[in-house]
C-alpha cells in the first residue's frame, strides 16, 4: 500500500472501505497491528517529536483523519483519496464485524462511568459483537501491568484506546507486542461519543469537513489547537514552495 508523505509522516492512500478491509485482514491474520489516525495537530506534533513520528511511520495502517491532512496531501502533490476519520473508521469497523458474524472488542480509556456506558451501547447496537472488557483511563503507571493482564485475558480482536494523543499511540506502541491484539487503535474522544457524553458535530459540518472547527469551538480548545494548526499549514506551504514542479 502506497503512502503519501505529509511532512514528517507517511499516510496510507486508502478509502474508508479499504481501511475497514485492512483492519478485518489484520484480525484474520492475527498478531499485533497498530492503526494510527493522525490529524493536522498530531502531524504537527510529530514534526517536532521524532519518537512520535517513528511510531506513526511504523504503524501498520495510518489513515488521513481530517481535512487538513487531505488538503496537505493535495498541496504537496501526493494526494490521498479521501478523509478517513478515526471515529468513523472505528464505527465502521464495528459494523463490519457485526455484519460478518461478530468479533471481540475491548474499550480502554476515559472516565469509569463513561466507558461502561459506551460498552453497554456498543453491545446493544452490535449484538453479534462481544464487548469482552472495558477499563477507564485513570490508572497509575504502576497499574499498567494489571491493565495489560486484563486485556490479554479478555483476548479481544480489537482494542480501542482513548487516552488522548499522543499518549494513546505511545501506549499502544509500547504494549501491543505483549498484548498480541490483532487491531490496536487510538480513538481519542470516540468512546465519549459512543457513550453519549459528548456530541459529534452536526452531519452537515462532518460532510463539509468542518468537524475540526466544531471540536475546537465546542470544547474550547482554540488557544490549544490553533497554534499547531497554523504551524502545520505554514510548514505545508513552505514544503510546497520548495518543490518547483508543484
C-alpha atoms as a PDB file:
ATOM      1  CA  UNK A   1       0.000   0.000   0.000  1.00  0.00           C
ATOM      2  CA  UNK A   2       1.481   3.345  -1.046  1.00  0.00           C
ATOM      3  CA  UNK A   3       1.784   6.198   1.417  1.00  0.00           C
ATOM      4  CA  UNK A   4       1.575   9.926   0.854  1.00  0.00           C
ATOM      5  CA  UNK A   5       4.380  11.832   2.565  1.00  0.00           C
ATOM      6  CA  UNK A   6       2.938  14.647   4.689  1.00  0.00           C
ATOM      7  CA  UNK A   7       5.969  16.459   6.120  1.00  0.00           C
ATOM      8  CA  UNK A   8       7.452  14.011   8.650  1.00  0.00           C
ATOM      9  CA  UNK A   9       4.822  11.256   8.428  1.00  0.00           C
ATOM     10  CA  UNK A  10       3.520   8.872   5.792  1.00  0.00           C
ATOM     11  CA  UNK A  11      -0.229   8.391   5.380  1.00  0.00           C
ATOM     12  CA  UNK A  12      -1.777   5.415   3.599  1.00  0.00           C
ATOM     13  CA  UNK A  13      -3.636   6.153   0.377  1.00  0.00           C
ATOM     14  CA  UNK A  14      -6.817   4.346   1.370  1.00  0.00           C
ATOM     15  CA  UNK A  15     -10.529   4.935   1.176  1.00  0.00           C
ATOM     16  CA  UNK A  16     -12.741   4.251   4.177  1.00  0.00           C
ATOM     17  CA  UNK A  17     -13.833   0.917   2.704  1.00  0.00           C
ATOM     18  CA  UNK A  18     -10.226  -0.098   2.091  1.00  0.00           C
ATOM     19  CA  UNK A  19      -9.218   0.883   5.628  1.00  0.00           C
ATOM     20  CA  UNK A  20     -12.005  -1.253   7.101  1.00  0.00           C
ATOM     21  CA  UNK A  21     -10.950  -4.181   4.904  1.00  0.00           C
ATOM     22  CA  UNK A  22      -7.347  -3.760   6.045  1.00  0.00           C
ATOM     23  CA  UNK A  23      -8.456  -3.940   9.677  1.00  0.00           C
ATOM     24  CA  UNK A  24     -10.524  -7.062   9.014  1.00  0.00           C
ATOM     25  CA  UNK A  25      -7.475  -8.558   7.334  1.00  0.00           C
ATOM     26  CA  UNK A  26      -5.376  -7.803  10.415  1.00  0.00           C
ATOM     27  CA  UNK A  27      -7.914  -9.652  12.551  1.00  0.00           C
ATOM     28  CA  UNK A  28      -7.887 -12.637  10.232  1.00  0.00           C
ATOM     29  CA  UNK A  29      -4.084 -12.669  10.190  1.00  0.00           C
ATOM     30  CA  UNK A  30      -3.731 -12.458  13.973  1.00  0.00           C
ATOM     31  CA  UNK A  31      -0.761 -10.908  15.684  1.00  0.00           C
ATOM     32  CA  UNK A  32      -0.498  -7.251  16.743  1.00  0.00           C
ATOM     33  CA  UNK A  33      -1.237  -4.416  14.302  1.00  0.00           C
ATOM     34  CA  UNK A  34      -1.185  -0.720  15.140  1.00  0.00           C
ATOM     35  CA  UNK A  35      -3.691   1.621  13.471  1.00  0.00           C
ATOM     36  CA  UNK A  36      -2.999   5.365  13.769  1.00  0.00           C
ATOM     37  CA  UNK A  37      -5.334   8.196  12.766  1.00  0.00           C
ATOM     38  CA  UNK A  38      -3.302  11.430  12.575  1.00  0.00           C
ATOM     39  CA  UNK A  39      -4.925  14.783  12.001  1.00  0.00           C
ATOM     40  CA  UNK A  40      -3.114  18.065  11.333  1.00  0.00           C
ATOM     41  CA  UNK A  41      -2.493  18.682  15.045  1.00  0.00           C
ATOM     42  CA  UNK A  42      -0.880  15.265  15.501  1.00  0.00           C
ATOM     43  CA  UNK A  43       1.130  15.688  12.294  1.00  0.00           C
ATOM     44  CA  UNK A  44       2.455  18.994  13.622  1.00  0.00           C
ATOM     45  CA  UNK A  45       3.476  17.364  16.896  1.00  0.00           C
ATOM     46  CA  UNK A  46       5.187  14.527  15.005  1.00  0.00           C
ATOM     47  CA  UNK A  47       7.225  17.112  13.134  1.00  0.00           C
ATOM     48  CA  UNK A  48       8.668  18.251  16.454  1.00  0.00           C
ATOM     49  CA  UNK A  49       8.802  14.793  18.074  1.00  0.00           C
ATOM     50  CA  UNK A  50      10.927  12.231  16.173  1.00  0.00           C
ATOM     51  CA  UNK A  51       9.836   9.415  18.503  1.00  0.00           C
ATOM     52  CA  UNK A  52       6.165  10.032  17.722  1.00  0.00           C
ATOM     53  CA  UNK A  53       6.932  10.318  14.007  1.00  0.00           C
ATOM     54  CA  UNK A  54       8.697   6.942  14.167  1.00  0.00           C
ATOM     55  CA  UNK A  55       5.689   5.347  15.912  1.00  0.00           C
ATOM     56  CA  UNK A  56       3.316   6.692  13.260  1.00  0.00           C
ATOM     57  CA  UNK A  57       5.566   5.709  10.362  1.00  0.00           C
ATOM     58  CA  UNK A  58       5.996   2.229  11.816  1.00  0.00           C
ATOM     59  CA  UNK A  59       2.260   1.640  12.202  1.00  0.00           C
ATOM     60  CA  UNK A  60       0.534  -0.997  10.085  1.00  0.00           C
ATOM     61  CA  UNK A  61      -2.176   1.428   8.945  1.00  0.00           C
ATOM     62  CA  UNK A  62      -2.066   5.237   9.011  1.00  0.00           C
ATOM     63  CA  UNK A  63      -5.269   6.924   7.854  1.00  0.00           C
ATOM     64  CA  UNK A  64      -5.861  10.605   6.966  1.00  0.00           C
ATOM     65  CA  UNK A  65      -8.038  11.763   9.850  1.00  0.00           C
ATOM     66  CA  UNK A  66      -9.060  15.258   8.926  1.00  0.00           C
ATOM     67  CA  UNK A  67      -9.483  17.782   6.167  1.00  0.00           C
ATOM     68  CA  UNK A  68      -6.087  19.304   6.967  1.00  0.00           C
ATOM     69  CA  UNK A  69      -4.239  16.101   6.101  1.00  0.00           C
ATOM     70  CA  UNK A  70      -6.252  15.641   2.900  1.00  0.00           C
ATOM     71  CA  UNK A  71      -5.635  19.230   1.796  1.00  0.00           C
ATOM     72  CA  UNK A  72      -1.938  18.999   2.664  1.00  0.00           C
ATOM     73  CA  UNK A  73      -1.563  15.847   0.574  1.00  0.00           C
ATOM     74  CA  UNK A  74      -3.047  17.653  -2.421  1.00  0.00           C
ATOM     75  CA  UNK A  75      -0.914  20.748  -1.950  1.00  0.00           C
ATOM     76  CA  UNK A  76       2.186  18.567  -1.747  1.00  0.00           C
ATOM     77  CA  UNK A  77       1.296  16.731  -4.965  1.00  0.00           C
ATOM     78  CA  UNK A  78       0.804  13.340  -3.306  1.00  0.00           C
ATOM     79  CA  UNK A  79      -2.959  13.159  -2.706  1.00  0.00           C
ATOM     80  CA  UNK A  80      -4.841  10.664  -0.573  1.00  0.00           C
ATOM     81  CA  UNK A  81      -8.221   9.594  -1.994  1.00  0.00           C
ATOM     82  CA  UNK A  82     -10.408  10.839   0.860  1.00  0.00           C
ATOM     83  CA  UNK A  83     -10.651  11.647   4.543  1.00  0.00           C
ATOM     84  CA  UNK A  84     -10.805   8.550   6.735  1.00  0.00           C
ATOM     85  CA  UNK A  85     -11.888   9.893  10.108  1.00  0.00           C
ATOM     86  CA  UNK A  86     -10.824   7.848  13.109  1.00  0.00           C
ATOM     87  CA  UNK A  87     -14.258   7.962  14.749  1.00  0.00           C
ATOM     88  CA  UNK A  88     -15.937   6.828  11.533  1.00  0.00           C
ATOM     89  CA  UNK A  89     -13.340   4.105  10.948  1.00  0.00           C
ATOM     90  CA  UNK A  90     -13.918   2.728  14.452  1.00  0.00           C
ATOM     91  CA  UNK A  91     -17.702   2.719  13.993  1.00  0.00           C
ATOM     92  CA  UNK A  92     -17.492   1.237  10.505  1.00  0.00           C
ATOM     93  CA  UNK A  93     -15.206  -1.498  11.784  1.00  0.00           C
ATOM     94  CA  UNK A  94     -17.745  -2.391  14.474  1.00  0.00           C
ATOM     95  CA  UNK A  95     -20.478  -2.544  11.841  1.00  0.00           C
ATOM     96  CA  UNK A  96     -18.337  -4.708   9.545  1.00  0.00           C
ATOM     97  CA  UNK A  97     -17.538  -7.118  12.367  1.00  0.00           C
ATOM     98  CA  UNK A  98     -21.198  -7.326  13.323  1.00  0.00           C
ATOM     99  CA  UNK A  99     -22.237  -7.887   9.698  1.00  0.00           C
ATOM    100  CA  UNK A 100     -19.823 -10.744   9.220  1.00  0.00           C
ATOM    101  CA  UNK A 101     -20.888 -12.537  12.375  1.00  0.00           C
ATOM    102  CA  UNK A 102     -19.060 -10.987  15.299  1.00  0.00           C
ATOM    103  CA  UNK A 103     -15.800 -10.127  16.956  1.00  0.00           C
ATOM    104  CA  UNK A 104     -14.310  -9.419  20.356  1.00  0.00           C
ATOM    105  CA  UNK A 105     -13.805  -5.782  21.418  1.00  0.00           C
ATOM    106  CA  UNK A 106     -12.159  -4.127  24.428  1.00  0.00           C
ATOM    107  CA  UNK A 107     -12.554  -0.440  25.351  1.00  0.00           C
ATOM    108  CA  UNK A 108      -9.842   1.369  27.303  1.00  0.00           C
ATOM    109  CA  UNK A 109      -9.927   4.970  28.407  1.00  0.00           C
ATOM    110  CA  UNK A 110     -11.958   7.986  29.600  1.00  0.00           C
ATOM    111  CA  UNK A 111     -13.921   8.013  32.879  1.00  0.00           C
ATOM    112  CA  UNK A 112     -15.233   4.798  34.511  1.00  0.00           C
ATOM    113  CA  UNK A 113     -18.933   5.590  34.099  1.00  0.00           C
ATOM    114  CA  UNK A 114     -18.413   6.773  30.507  1.00  0.00           C
ATOM    115  CA  UNK A 115     -16.511   3.725  29.266  1.00  0.00           C
ATOM    116  CA  UNK A 116     -19.033   1.439  30.999  1.00  0.00           C
ATOM    117  CA  UNK A 117     -21.932   3.200  29.246  1.00  0.00           C
ATOM    118  CA  UNK A 118     -20.081   3.105  25.914  1.00  0.00           C
ATOM    119  CA  UNK A 119     -19.566  -0.638  26.320  1.00  0.00           C
ATOM    120  CA  UNK A 120     -23.261  -1.112  27.047  1.00  0.00           C
ATOM    121  CA  UNK A 121     -24.315   0.919  23.997  1.00  0.00           C
ATOM    122  CA  UNK A 122     -21.854  -0.786  21.657  1.00  0.00           C
ATOM    123  CA  UNK A 123     -23.080  -4.189  22.815  1.00  0.00           C
ATOM    124  CA  UNK A 124     -26.679  -3.101  22.281  1.00  0.00           C
ATOM    125  CA  UNK A 125     -26.053  -1.590  18.832  1.00  0.00           C
ATOM    126  CA  UNK A 126     -23.967  -4.512  17.561  1.00  0.00           C
ATOM    127  CA  UNK A 127     -25.445  -7.647  19.142  1.00  0.00           C
ATOM    128  CA  UNK A 128     -23.130 -10.048  17.287  1.00  0.00           C
ATOM    129  CA  UNK A 129     -20.079  -8.357  18.780  1.00  0.00           C
ATOM    130  CA  UNK A 130     -18.802  -9.335  22.219  1.00  0.00           C
ATOM    131  CA  UNK A 131     -17.565  -6.440  24.322  1.00  0.00           C
ATOM    132  CA  UNK A 132     -15.169  -8.595  26.309  1.00  0.00           C
ATOM    133  CA  UNK A 133     -13.980  -5.885  28.674  1.00  0.00           C
ATOM    134  CA  UNK A 134     -13.505  -2.229  29.460  1.00  0.00           C
ATOM    135  CA  UNK A 135     -11.303  -0.168  31.708  1.00  0.00           C
ATOM    136  CA  UNK A 136     -11.128   3.529  32.456  1.00  0.00           C
ATOM    137  CA  UNK A 137      -8.054   5.544  31.531  1.00  0.00           C
ATOM    138  CA  UNK A 138      -7.240   6.813  35.020  1.00  0.00           C
ATOM    139  CA  UNK A 139      -4.725   4.162  36.002  1.00  0.00           C
ATOM    140  CA  UNK A 140      -1.323   4.845  37.515  1.00  0.00           C
ATOM    141  CA  UNK A 141       1.927   3.785  35.816  1.00  0.00           C
ATOM    142  CA  UNK A 142       2.403   1.040  38.388  1.00  0.00           C
ATOM    143  CA  UNK A 143      -1.007  -0.370  37.401  1.00  0.00           C
ATOM    144  CA  UNK A 144      -0.103  -0.812  33.723  1.00  0.00           C
ATOM    145  CA  UNK A 145       0.836  -4.464  34.265  1.00  0.00           C
ATOM    146  CA  UNK A 146      -2.620  -5.115  35.690  1.00  0.00           C
ATOM    147  CA  UNK A 147      -4.275  -3.358  32.733  1.00  0.00           C
ATOM    148  CA  UNK A 148      -2.205  -5.334  30.236  1.00  0.00           C
ATOM    149  CA  UNK A 149      -3.049  -8.597  32.019  1.00  0.00           C
ATOM    150  CA  UNK A 150      -6.773  -7.752  31.956  1.00  0.00           C
ATOM    151  CA  UNK A 151      -6.699  -7.099  28.207  1.00  0.00           C
ATOM    152  CA  UNK A 152      -4.629 -10.198  27.465  1.00  0.00           C
ATOM    153  CA  UNK A 153      -7.045 -12.361  29.452  1.00  0.00           C
ATOM    154  CA  UNK A 154     -10.008 -10.922  27.511  1.00  0.00           C
ATOM    155  CA  UNK A 155      -8.419 -11.879  24.147  1.00  0.00           C
ATOM    156  CA  UNK A 156     -10.039  -9.106  22.065  1.00  0.00           C
ATOM    157  CA  UNK A 157      -9.778  -8.849  18.302  1.00  0.00           C
ATOM    158  CA  UNK A 158      -9.886  -5.061  18.550  1.00  0.00           C
ATOM    159  CA  UNK A 159      -8.624  -2.767  21.301  1.00  0.00           C
ATOM    160  CA  UNK A 160      -9.894   0.819  21.168  1.00  0.00           C
ATOM    161  CA  UNK A 161      -7.764   3.126  23.337  1.00  0.00           C
ATOM    162  CA  UNK A 162      -8.966   6.603  24.335  1.00  0.00           C
ATOM    163  CA  UNK A 163      -6.113   8.161  26.301  1.00  0.00           C
ATOM    164  CA  UNK A 164      -5.693  11.232  24.124  1.00  0.00           C
ATOM    165  CA  UNK A 165      -2.999  11.722  21.523  1.00  0.00           C
ATOM    166  CA  UNK A 166      -0.068  11.125  21.570  1.00  0.00           C
ATOM    167  CA  UNK A 167      -0.370   9.205  24.861  1.00  0.00           C
ATOM    168  CA  UNK A 168      -2.616   6.551  23.311  1.00  0.00           C
ATOM    169  CA  UNK A 169      -0.251   5.952  20.369  1.00  0.00           C
ATOM    170  CA  UNK A 170       2.753   5.663  22.688  1.00  0.00           C
ATOM    171  CA  UNK A 171       0.848   3.293  24.990  1.00  0.00           C
ATOM    172  CA  UNK A 172      -0.213   1.040  22.139  1.00  0.00           C
ATOM    173  CA  UNK A 173       3.274   1.035  20.603  1.00  0.00           C
ATOM    174  CA  UNK A 174       4.752   0.017  23.951  1.00  0.00           C
ATOM    175  CA  UNK A 175       2.253  -2.700  24.861  1.00  0.00           C
ATOM    176  CA  UNK A 176       0.814  -4.151  21.640  1.00  0.00           C
ATOM    177  CA  UNK A 177       3.588  -6.764  21.219  1.00  0.00           C
ATOM    178  CA  UNK A 178       2.828  -8.295  24.621  1.00  0.00           C
ATOM    179  CA  UNK A 179      -0.932  -7.856  24.212  1.00  0.00           C
ATOM    180  CA  UNK A 180      -0.990  -9.587  20.834  1.00  0.00           C
ATOM    181  CA  UNK A 181      -4.269  -7.862  19.915  1.00  0.00           C
ATOM    182  CA  UNK A 182      -4.819  -8.004  16.124  1.00  0.00           C
ATOM    183  CA  UNK A 183      -6.015  -4.375  15.919  1.00  0.00           C
ATOM    184  CA  UNK A 184      -4.953  -1.698  18.389  1.00  0.00           C
ATOM    185  CA  UNK A 185      -6.305   1.739  17.563  1.00  0.00           C
ATOM    186  CA  UNK A 186      -6.236   5.079  19.348  1.00  0.00           C
ATOM    187  CA  UNK A 187      -9.661   6.688  19.182  1.00  0.00           C
ATOM    188  CA  UNK A 188      -9.383   9.883  21.244  1.00  0.00           C
ATOM    189  CA  UNK A 189     -12.851  11.124  22.202  1.00  0.00           C
ATOM    190  CA  UNK A 190     -14.761   8.446  20.283  1.00  0.00           C
ATOM    191  CA  UNK A 191     -15.626   6.414  23.385  1.00  0.00           C
ATOM    192  CA  UNK A 192     -17.157   9.539  24.931  1.00  0.00           C
ATOM    193  CA  UNK A 193     -19.262   9.955  21.772  1.00  0.00           C
ATOM    194  CA  UNK A 194     -20.370   6.317  21.862  1.00  0.00           C
ATOM    195  CA  UNK A 195     -21.455   6.799  25.478  1.00  0.00           C
ATOM    196  CA  UNK A 196     -23.459   9.907  24.612  1.00  0.00           C
ATOM    197  CA  UNK A 197     -21.284  12.011  26.925  1.00  0.00           C
ATOM    198  CA  UNK A 198     -20.002  14.230  24.099  1.00  0.00           C
ATOM    199  CA  UNK A 199     -21.943  15.036  20.916  1.00  0.00           C
ATOM    200  CA  UNK A 200     -20.405  14.830  17.474  1.00  0.00           C
ATOM    201  CA  UNK A 201     -20.631  17.713  15.049  1.00  0.00           C
ATOM    202  CA  UNK A 202     -23.832  18.049  13.001  1.00  0.00           C
ATOM    203  CA  UNK A 203     -23.819  15.935   9.850  1.00  0.00           C
ATOM    204  CA  UNK A 204     -23.610  18.983   7.598  1.00  0.00           C
ATOM    205  CA  UNK A 205     -20.372  20.013   9.308  1.00  0.00           C
ATOM    206  CA  UNK A 206     -18.961  16.493   9.013  1.00  0.00           C
ATOM    207  CA  UNK A 207     -19.833  16.399   5.294  1.00  0.00           C
ATOM    208  CA  UNK A 208     -18.255  19.833   4.821  1.00  0.00           C
ATOM    209  CA  UNK A 209     -15.046  18.670   6.573  1.00  0.00           C
ATOM    210  CA  UNK A 210     -15.635  21.168   9.386  1.00  0.00           C
ATOM    211  CA  UNK A 211     -15.784  18.746  12.302  1.00  0.00           C
ATOM    212  CA  UNK A 212     -12.365  20.001  13.463  1.00  0.00           C
ATOM    213  CA  UNK A 213     -13.812  23.506  13.821  1.00  0.00           C
ATOM    214  CA  UNK A 214     -16.796  22.195  15.799  1.00  0.00           C
ATOM    215  CA  UNK A 215     -14.497  20.379  18.223  1.00  0.00           C
ATOM    216  CA  UNK A 216     -12.260  23.388  18.706  1.00  0.00           C
ATOM    217  CA  UNK A 217     -15.150  25.751  19.424  1.00  0.00           C
ATOM    218  CA  UNK A 218     -17.367  23.402  21.455  1.00  0.00           C
ATOM    219  CA  UNK A 219     -14.551  22.022  23.579  1.00  0.00           C
ATOM    220  CA  UNK A 220     -12.999  25.489  23.940  1.00  0.00           C
ATOM    221  CA  UNK A 221      -9.682  24.402  22.502  1.00  0.00           C
ATOM    222  CA  UNK A 222      -8.952  27.491  20.422  1.00  0.00           C
ATOM    223  CA  UNK A 223      -5.923  28.528  22.459  1.00  0.00           C
ATOM    224  CA  UNK A 224      -4.514  24.985  22.457  1.00  0.00           C
ATOM    225  CA  UNK A 225      -5.393  23.864  18.931  1.00  0.00           C
ATOM    226  CA  UNK A 226      -4.955  26.957  16.797  1.00  0.00           C
ATOM    227  CA  UNK A 227      -1.146  27.357  17.058  1.00  0.00           C
ATOM    228  CA  UNK A 228      -0.334  23.808  15.872  1.00  0.00           C
ATOM    229  CA  UNK A 229      -2.880  24.082  13.045  1.00  0.00           C
ATOM    230  CA  UNK A 230      -1.357  27.356  11.860  1.00  0.00           C
ATOM    231  CA  UNK A 231       2.159  25.943  12.214  1.00  0.00           C
ATOM    232  CA  UNK A 232       1.199  22.826  10.246  1.00  0.00           C
ATOM    233  CA  UNK A 233      -0.355  24.916   7.475  1.00  0.00           C
ATOM    234  CA  UNK A 234       2.689  27.153   7.197  1.00  0.00           C
ATOM    235  CA  UNK A 235       5.030  24.162   7.101  1.00  0.00           C
ATOM    236  CA  UNK A 236       2.967  22.586   4.319  1.00  0.00           C
ATOM    237  CA  UNK A 237       3.092  25.816   2.300  1.00  0.00           C
ATOM    238  CA  UNK A 238       6.835  26.063   2.901  1.00  0.00           C
ATOM    239  CA  UNK A 239       7.343  22.486   1.740  1.00  0.00           C
ATOM    240  CA  UNK A 240       5.230  23.138  -1.348  1.00  0.00           C
ATOM    241  CA  UNK A 241       7.297  26.239  -2.205  1.00  0.00           C
ATOM    242  CA  UNK A 242      10.428  24.105  -2.108  1.00  0.00           C
ATOM    243  CA  UNK A 243       9.040  21.879  -4.860  1.00  0.00           C
ATOM    244  CA  UNK A 244       9.282  23.875  -8.087  1.00  0.00           C
ATOM    245  CA  UNK A 245       7.283  21.336 -10.074  1.00  0.00           C
ATOM    246  CA  UNK A 246       4.116  21.923  -7.997  1.00  0.00           C
END
